[in-house]
Amino acid sequence: MKFEEVVSFIKSTFGVKDEFIPLHEPRFIGKEREYVMDCIDSTFVSSVGKYVNLFEDKVKEFTGAKYAIATTNGSSALHLSLILAGVKRDELVITQSLTFIATCNAISYIGAQTLFVDVDRNTLGMSAEKLESFLKNESEINSKGELIHKESKKRIAACVPMHTFGHALEIDSIVEICNKYNLPLIEDAAESLGSSYKGTQTGRFGLLGTFSFNGNKTITCGGGGMIVTDDEQIGYMAKHLSTQAKMPHRWNFEHDHIGYNYRLPNLNAAMACAQMEQLDSFIENKRELASKYASFFDKSSIEFIKEPIHSKSNYWLNSVLLNNKDERDAFLEFTNNHNVMTRPVWTLMNKLDMFKDAYHGDLSNAEWLEERLVNIPSSVRI
């Protein structure tokens, strides 16, 4: 298939001729303005106000989680989750090399170190087979019952798989492995709000799950993040630490932990509440777009990435696979030169200077995907 045909199809699908088509732009077509103005009129525009609590309630209801704690962004949600899972400085956290850098940055905030496991080609997420193999061959349990990396002699403190581009990975297998090795599991569900695996929403499988509401996500409030958990004590501490660990009192300022200014402002939460009211329709719209893409690319040598088995994807970003790196680069240049925004997958984390010394095993699937995968326009169509 010629690249001209792809560009023509994308433009016709989005109903434009010469205008620039972004990769993913927000849609404010509900009560965003009404709720934001109500928030301004109330004067509660910071971290206290009804919309913060309402937003948390809406996420709890949608995901089925017992507790939801709104944070300033997805990175802060991950940072707090790692702390709450007991990760300490100089310990190791297993994650995937094919991820957005925020996953690894949050690990670094603690002073912990990344340890990279490969992904599966069909899910784009952490490979259960590779994780199992790594833990079996490269780790051991010491006399204290701690999981230790044989080579570095450091404790492996947590596992953080990521649901890439909204596609749910085989999370039940990852859960089983983590339980076997007594390894806390934190789901990086930043991109997958509304995606499910075997009928359960992503973010619900681990000790904690985290979401992002950045400007390019399925729903947004300009920034924003969320921690979900079913653990009562973790839920309490997540909110406590996100509000500077201030002890309740009518006037005194007393704090019992190192806290963080991570509580989501009411102003952002007002917009988020309006966006949550449209989440189902947005996902339906995006799944219809994915279906159109799938039908179109089925007739070509370019492969469209479809939702994995047992999962229902929000199709946050639609993706295609080119035949090789040269073809990928040519596709990127042609589409971007013709006002259709496309982007390659992220540079693998182990190739970045900050993480180049991190331990990793075989990453052949991640490397294969890095050379071929391209994201194509995925906005909700009006």
Protein backbone atom coordinates (compact mmCIF):
# COMPACT_ATOMS: atom_id res chain seq x y z
CA MET A 1 0.00 0.00 0.00
CA LYS A 2 1.26 3.46 -0.88
CA PHE A 3 1.67 5.97 1.91
CA GLU A 4 -0.49 8.42 -0.08
CA GLU A 5 -3.44 6.07 0.40
CA VAL A 6 -2.89 6.00 4.17
CA VAL A 7 -2.78 9.78 4.39
CA SER A 8 -5.87 10.09 2.21
CA PHE A 9 -7.77 7.59 4.36
CA ILE A 10 -6.82 9.30 7.64
CA LYS A 11 -7.85 12.71 6.29
CA SER A 12 -11.18 11.43 5.04
CA THR A 13 -11.81 9.59 8.32
CA PHE A 14 -11.28 12.80 10.29
CA GLY A 15 -13.20 14.86 7.75
CA VAL A 16 -10.38 17.22 6.83
CA LYS A 17 -8.64 18.12 3.60
CA ASP A 18 -5.61 20.28 4.23
CA GLU A 19 -5.74 20.95 7.97
CA PHE A 20 -3.17 19.47 10.34
CA ILE A 21 -4.34 16.31 12.10
CA PRO A 22 -2.77 15.92 15.58
CA LEU A 23 -1.95 12.59 17.15
CA HIS A 24 -4.42 12.99 20.01
CA GLU A 25 -6.21 16.16 21.07
CA PRO A 26 -8.69 16.67 23.92
CA ARG A 27 -12.42 17.16 23.44
CA PHE A 28 -14.33 19.57 25.67
CA ILE A 29 -17.91 19.07 24.57
CA GLY A 30 -19.66 18.45 27.89
CA LYS A 31 -20.02 20.46 31.09
CA GLU A 32 -16.34 21.36 31.48
CA ARG A 33 -16.93 25.12 31.32
CA GLU A 34 -19.94 24.94 33.65
CA TYR A 35 -18.10 22.97 36.33
CA VAL A 36 -14.90 25.02 36.10
CA MET A 37 -16.84 28.29 36.43
CA ASP A 38 -18.73 26.85 39.40
CA CYS A 39 -15.39 25.97 40.98
CA ILE A 40 -14.07 29.50 40.40
CA ASP A 41 -17.23 31.02 41.87
CA SER A 42 -16.84 28.84 44.97
CA THR A 43 -13.26 30.21 45.46
CA PHE A 44 -12.11 26.63 46.26
CA VAL A 45 -9.65 26.31 43.40
CA SER A 46 -6.79 24.54 45.17
CA SER A 47 -6.58 21.10 46.78
CA VAL A 48 -9.82 21.37 48.80
CA GLY A 49 -13.27 21.34 47.23
CA LYS A 50 -16.21 19.20 46.22
CA TYR A 51 -14.96 18.33 42.77
CA VAL A 52 -11.83 16.54 44.02
CA ASN A 53 -13.96 14.21 46.12
CA LEU A 54 -16.52 13.81 43.33
CA PHE A 55 -13.81 12.93 40.83
CA GLU A 56 -12.45 10.24 43.15
CA ASP A 57 -15.96 8.86 43.61
CA LYS A 58 -16.48 8.70 39.85
CA VAL A 59 -13.22 6.81 39.34
CA LYS A 60 -14.08 4.38 42.16
CA GLU A 61 -17.48 3.74 40.60
CA PHE A 62 -16.05 3.30 37.10
CA THR A 63 -13.15 1.01 38.02
CA GLY A 64 -14.73 -0.82 40.95
CA ALA A 65 -11.82 0.10 43.24
CA LYS A 66 -12.53 0.63 46.95
CA TYR A 67 -10.28 3.67 47.20
CA ALA A 68 -9.21 6.36 44.72
CA ILE A 69 -6.83 9.21 45.50
CA ALA A 70 -6.47 12.11 43.06
CA THR A 71 -2.96 13.44 42.45
CA THR A 72 -1.39 16.23 40.42
CA ASN A 73 -0.30 13.92 37.61
CA GLY A 74 0.46 10.32 36.72
CA SER A 75 4.12 10.62 37.75
CA SER A 76 3.21 11.71 41.27
CA ALA A 77 0.71 8.84 41.46
CA LEU A 78 3.48 6.39 40.53
CA HIS A 79 5.96 7.99 42.94
CA LEU A 80 3.56 7.73 45.88
CA SER A 81 2.58 4.19 44.91
CA LEU A 82 6.20 3.03 44.96
CA ILE A 83 6.66 4.58 48.40
CA LEU A 84 3.48 2.93 49.67
CA ALA A 85 4.62 -0.43 48.27
CA GLY A 86 7.75 -0.15 50.43
CA VAL A 87 10.38 0.58 47.78
CA LYS A 88 13.57 2.07 49.27
CA ARG A 89 16.71 3.77 47.96
CA ASP A 90 19.17 1.49 46.11
CA GLU A 91 16.61 -1.28 45.70
CA LEU A 92 15.51 -2.66 42.33
CA VAL A 93 12.16 -2.29 40.60
CA ILE A 94 11.27 -4.49 37.64
CA THR A 95 9.60 -2.73 34.73
CA GLN A 96 9.61 -2.89 30.94
CA SER A 97 12.05 -1.12 28.63
CA LEU A 98 9.23 -0.28 26.20
CA THR A 99 7.48 2.38 28.26
CA PHE A 100 7.16 6.13 28.63
CA ILE A 101 10.00 7.60 30.68
CA ALA A 102 7.66 8.65 33.52
CA THR A 103 7.60 5.02 34.69
CA CYS A 104 11.37 4.98 35.17
CA ASN A 105 11.54 8.56 36.43
CA ALA A 106 9.21 7.74 39.31
CA ILE A 107 11.44 4.83 40.29
CA SER A 108 14.44 7.17 40.19
CA TYR A 109 12.74 9.74 42.43
CA ILE A 110 13.08 7.27 45.29
CA GLY A 111 16.69 6.53 44.47
CA ALA A 112 15.75 3.00 43.40
CA GLN A 113 17.05 1.42 40.20
CA THR A 114 15.27 0.01 37.18
CA LEU A 115 15.57 -3.58 36.06
CA PHE A 116 14.18 -4.19 32.58
CA VAL A 117 12.18 -7.18 31.36
CA ASP A 118 11.04 -7.69 27.76
CA VAL A 119 7.49 -7.23 26.43
CA ASP A 120 5.22 -9.44 24.35
CA ARG A 121 4.68 -8.40 20.73
CA ASN A 122 0.94 -9.02 20.84
CA THR A 123 0.19 -6.96 23.97
CA LEU A 124 3.13 -4.49 23.90
CA GLY A 125 3.24 -5.01 27.68
CA MET A 126 5.49 -6.92 30.06
CA SER A 127 6.00 -10.55 29.11
CA ALA A 128 4.93 -12.97 31.84
CA GLU A 129 7.17 -15.64 30.32
CA LYS A 130 10.23 -13.38 30.40
CA LEU A 131 9.42 -12.21 33.94
CA GLU A 132 9.08 -15.78 35.18
CA SER A 133 12.33 -16.79 33.50
CA PHE A 134 14.19 -13.84 34.97
CA LEU A 135 12.98 -14.41 38.51
CA LYS A 136 13.68 -18.14 38.31
CA ASN A 137 17.22 -17.76 36.98
CA GLU A 138 18.40 -14.37 38.23
CA SER A 139 16.91 -14.06 41.71
CA GLU A 140 16.88 -15.93 45.01
CA ILE A 141 15.21 -15.71 48.41
CA ASN A 142 17.60 -14.84 51.25
CA SER A 143 17.40 -15.89 54.90
CA LYS A 144 15.16 -12.89 55.66
CA GLY A 145 12.66 -13.97 53.03
CA GLU A 146 13.67 -11.10 50.70
CA LEU A 147 13.81 -11.44 46.93
CA ILE A 148 17.41 -10.73 45.92
CA HIS A 149 18.94 -10.09 42.51
CA LYS A 150 21.84 -12.55 42.32
CA GLU A 151 24.21 -10.37 40.32
CA SER A 152 23.86 -7.08 42.23
CA LYS A 153 22.88 -8.58 45.62
CA LYS A 154 20.16 -5.93 45.87
CA ARG A 155 16.57 -6.47 46.95
CA ILE A 156 13.95 -6.56 44.21
CA ALA A 157 11.25 -4.43 45.79
CA ALA A 158 8.39 -4.19 43.26
CA CYS A 159 7.18 -4.92 39.75
CA VAL A 160 5.66 -2.18 37.54
CA PRO A 161 4.18 -3.41 34.25
CA MET A 162 2.58 -0.86 31.92
CA HIS A 163 -0.53 -1.23 29.73
CA THR A 164 0.92 0.23 26.53
CA PHE A 165 -1.24 2.56 24.40
CA GLY A 166 -4.34 1.35 26.26
CA HIS A 167 -3.91 -2.37 25.44
CA ALA A 168 -4.17 -4.58 28.52
CA LEU A 169 -1.24 -6.93 29.00
CA GLU A 170 -1.70 -10.47 30.33
CA ILE A 171 -1.94 -9.09 33.81
CA ASP A 172 -3.38 -12.18 35.52
CA SER A 173 -0.22 -14.12 34.68
CA ILE A 174 1.93 -11.27 35.99
CA VAL A 175 -0.13 -11.23 39.21
CA GLU A 176 0.36 -14.97 39.65
CA ILE A 177 4.13 -14.66 39.25
CA CYS A 178 4.38 -11.69 41.61
CA ASN A 179 2.33 -13.52 44.23
CA LYS A 180 4.60 -16.55 43.89
CA TYR A 181 7.66 -14.40 44.64
CA ASN A 182 5.91 -12.15 47.18
CA LEU A 183 6.61 -9.16 44.92
CA PRO A 184 4.37 -6.06 45.23
CA LEU A 185 2.69 -5.24 41.91
CA ILE A 186 1.96 -1.67 40.83
CA GLU A 187 0.08 -1.28 37.56
CA ASP A 188 1.08 1.66 35.40
CA ALA A 189 -2.34 2.13 33.83
CA ALA A 190 -1.61 5.73 32.81
CA GLU A 191 -2.85 5.13 29.26
CA SER A 192 -5.54 2.54 29.84
CA LEU A 193 -8.46 4.08 31.75
CA GLY A 194 -11.50 2.23 30.45
CA SER A 195 -9.55 -0.79 29.19
CA SER A 196 -10.29 -4.14 30.77
CA TYR A 197 -8.85 -7.63 30.97
CA LYS A 198 -11.23 -10.56 31.36
CA GLY A 199 -13.93 -8.11 32.44
CA THR A 200 -11.92 -6.29 35.12
CA GLN A 201 -10.71 -2.74 34.63
CA THR A 202 -6.96 -2.19 34.34
CA GLY A 203 -5.44 -0.74 37.49
CA ARG A 204 -7.41 -3.19 39.63
CA PHE A 205 -5.07 -6.19 39.56
CA GLY A 206 -2.11 -4.96 41.59
CA LEU A 207 -1.60 -3.73 45.12
CA LEU A 208 -1.97 -0.29 43.54
CA GLY A 209 -2.85 1.07 40.11
CA THR A 210 -2.14 4.50 38.66
CA PHE A 211 -3.77 6.60 35.94
CA SER A 212 -2.86 9.79 34.10
CA PHE A 213 -5.12 12.61 32.90
CA ASN A 214 -2.51 14.54 30.94
CA GLY A 215 -3.70 16.68 28.03
CA ASN A 216 -3.19 13.88 25.50
CA LYS A 217 -5.03 11.12 27.39
CA THR A 218 -8.49 9.70 26.63
CA ILE A 219 -9.93 12.13 29.18
CA THR A 220 -8.00 15.04 30.63
CA CYS A 221 -8.08 17.85 33.14
CA GLY A 222 -4.89 19.49 31.91
CA GLY A 223 -2.84 17.26 34.16
CA GLY A 224 -3.94 15.03 36.97
CA GLY A 225 -3.39 11.48 38.13
CA MET A 226 -5.12 8.87 40.25
CA ILE A 227 -4.12 6.04 42.56
CA VAL A 228 -6.57 3.17 43.02
CA THR A 229 -6.34 0.39 45.59
CA ASP A 230 -8.49 -1.97 47.59
CA ASP A 231 -6.22 -1.72 50.63
CA GLU A 232 -7.73 0.55 53.32
CA GLN A 233 -4.43 1.51 54.99
CA ILE A 234 -2.73 2.22 51.67
CA GLY A 235 -5.72 4.31 50.59
CA TYR A 236 -5.52 6.37 53.79
CA MET A 237 -1.75 6.85 53.53
CA ALA A 238 -1.92 7.79 49.85
CA LYS A 239 -4.21 10.71 50.63
CA HIS A 240 -2.27 11.60 53.78
CA LEU A 241 1.11 11.72 52.05
CA SER A 242 -0.34 13.61 49.06
CA THR A 243 -1.44 16.40 51.40
CA GLN A 244 1.94 17.05 53.06
CA ALA A 245 1.21 14.42 55.74
CA LYS A 246 -0.62 17.03 57.79
CA MET A 247 -2.34 15.71 60.91
CA PRO A 248 -6.01 16.69 61.23
CA HIS A 249 -6.48 19.69 63.53
CA ARG A 250 -8.60 22.82 63.45
CA TRP A 251 -5.59 25.16 63.46
CA ASN A 252 -2.24 23.48 64.32
CA PHE A 253 0.27 22.49 61.68
CA GLU A 254 1.60 19.10 62.68
CA HIS A 255 3.05 16.52 60.30
CA ASP A 256 4.04 12.92 60.97
CA HIS A 257 5.82 11.90 57.73
CA ILE A 258 7.73 13.42 54.86
CA GLY A 259 4.79 14.48 52.73
CA TYR A 260 4.23 15.73 49.21
CA ASN A 261 2.22 18.48 47.60
CA TYR A 262 0.57 16.00 45.26
CA ARG A 263 -3.15 16.61 45.87
CA LEU A 264 -5.08 17.44 42.69
CA PRO A 265 -6.47 21.02 42.67
CA ASN A 266 -10.24 21.37 42.73
CA LEU A 267 -10.07 23.44 39.53
CA ASN A 268 -8.59 20.52 37.57
CA ALA A 269 -10.97 18.08 39.22
CA ALA A 270 -13.97 20.13 38.04
CA MET A 271 -12.89 19.60 34.45
CA ALA A 272 -12.14 15.94 35.17
CA CYS A 273 -15.67 15.35 36.48
CA ALA A 274 -17.13 16.65 33.23
CA GLN A 275 -14.74 14.47 31.24
CA MET A 276 -15.64 11.38 33.28
CA GLU A 277 -19.28 11.89 32.28
CA GLN A 278 -18.19 11.41 28.66
CA LEU A 279 -15.68 8.60 29.13
CA ASP A 280 -17.96 5.80 27.89
CA SER A 281 -18.91 7.71 24.74
CA PHE A 282 -15.29 8.70 24.10
CA ILE A 283 -14.18 5.07 24.31
CA GLU A 284 -17.00 3.94 22.04
CA ASN A 285 -15.96 6.62 19.54
CA LYS A 286 -12.31 5.56 19.71
CA ARG A 287 -13.17 1.89 19.29
CA GLU A 288 -15.19 2.76 16.18
CA LEU A 289 -12.14 4.58 14.82
CA ALA A 290 -9.96 1.55 15.58
CA SER A 291 -12.42 -0.67 13.72
CA LYS A 292 -12.18 1.59 10.66
CA TYR A 293 -8.40 1.49 10.80
CA ALA A 294 -8.40 -2.30 11.20
CA SER A 295 -10.60 -2.78 8.13
CA PHE A 296 -8.47 -0.40 6.08
CA PHE A 297 -5.09 -1.89 7.01
CA ASP A 298 -6.31 -5.48 6.62
CA LYS A 299 -5.93 -4.86 2.88
CA SER A 300 -2.33 -3.72 3.15
CA SER A 301 1.15 -4.89 4.11
CA ILE A 302 1.01 -2.49 7.07
CA GLU A 303 -0.24 -4.29 10.18
CA PHE A 304 -2.72 -2.57 12.49
CA ILE A 305 -2.28 -3.48 16.16
CA LYS A 306 -5.56 -4.88 17.49
CA GLU A 307 -6.59 -5.44 21.09
CA PRO A 308 -5.10 -8.63 22.57
CA ILE A 309 -7.19 -11.67 23.40
CA HIS A 310 -9.25 -11.46 26.63
CA SER A 311 -8.97 -7.67 26.64
CA LYS A 312 -11.11 -4.72 25.68
CA SER A 313 -8.95 -1.76 24.75
CA ASN A 314 -9.73 1.93 24.99
CA TYR A 315 -7.44 2.30 21.92
CA TRP A 316 -5.87 5.40 23.44
CA LEU A 317 -3.32 5.51 20.63
CA ASN A 318 -3.82 3.49 17.47
CA SER A 319 -0.65 1.86 16.21
CA VAL A 320 0.66 0.20 13.07
CA LEU A 321 3.69 -1.95 12.32
CA LEU A 322 5.86 -1.28 9.29
CA ASN A 323 8.08 -3.96 7.79
CA ASN A 324 11.40 -2.58 8.98
CA LYS A 325 13.07 0.53 10.39
CA ASP A 326 13.75 2.10 6.98
CA GLU A 327 10.10 1.77 5.99
CA ARG A 328 9.06 3.12 9.39
CA ASP A 329 11.23 6.19 8.95
CA ALA A 330 9.92 6.78 5.43
CA PHE A 331 6.35 6.48 6.70
CA LEU A 332 7.02 8.96 9.52
CA GLU A 333 8.56 11.47 7.14
CA PHE A 334 5.81 11.19 4.53
CA THR A 335 2.88 11.44 6.93
CA ASN A 336 4.31 14.33 8.92
CA ASN A 337 5.20 16.16 5.72
CA HIS A 338 1.55 15.85 4.68
CA ASN A 339 -0.05 17.30 7.83
CA VAL A 340 -0.76 13.95 9.48
CA MET A 341 0.97 13.70 12.84
CA THR A 342 2.52 10.31 13.49
CA ARG A 343 5.10 9.28 16.06
CA PRO A 344 7.40 6.30 16.64
CA VAL A 345 7.28 4.37 19.88
CA TRP A 346 9.53 5.72 22.63
CA THR A 347 13.26 5.07 22.55
CA LEU A 348 13.81 2.02 24.74
CA MET A 349 14.63 3.06 28.29
CA ASN A 350 17.83 1.02 28.45
CA LYS A 351 19.19 3.09 25.53
CA LEU A 352 18.85 6.38 27.39
CA ASP A 353 21.91 7.69 29.22
CA MET A 354 20.10 7.72 32.58
CA PHE A 355 19.29 4.01 32.42
CA LYS A 356 21.99 2.59 30.15
CA ASP A 357 23.65 0.78 33.04
CA ALA A 358 20.43 -0.80 34.30
CA TYR A 359 20.36 -4.58 34.30
CA HIS A 360 18.31 -6.20 31.58
CA GLY A 361 18.01 -9.56 29.93
CA ASP A 362 16.91 -10.34 26.40
CA LEU A 363 14.86 -7.43 24.99
CA SER A 364 14.42 -8.72 21.46
CA ASN A 365 10.66 -8.11 21.32
CA ALA A 366 11.01 -4.53 22.54
CA GLU A 367 13.80 -3.92 20.03
CA TRP A 368 11.71 -5.41 17.21
CA LEU A 369 8.76 -3.18 18.09
CA GLU A 370 10.94 -0.09 18.45
CA GLU A 371 12.08 -0.47 14.83
CA ARG A 372 8.58 -0.87 13.38
CA LEU A 373 5.82 0.67 15.50
CA VAL A 374 4.19 4.00 14.63
CA ASN A 375 1.27 5.74 16.35
CA ILE A 376 -1.31 7.32 14.05
CA PRO A 377 -4.05 9.94 14.77
CA SER A 378 -6.37 8.71 17.51
CA SER A 379 -8.51 11.64 18.69
CA VAL A 380 -12.19 11.32 19.44
CA ARG A 381 -13.89 12.31 16.17
CA ILE A 382 -16.63 14.92 16.30
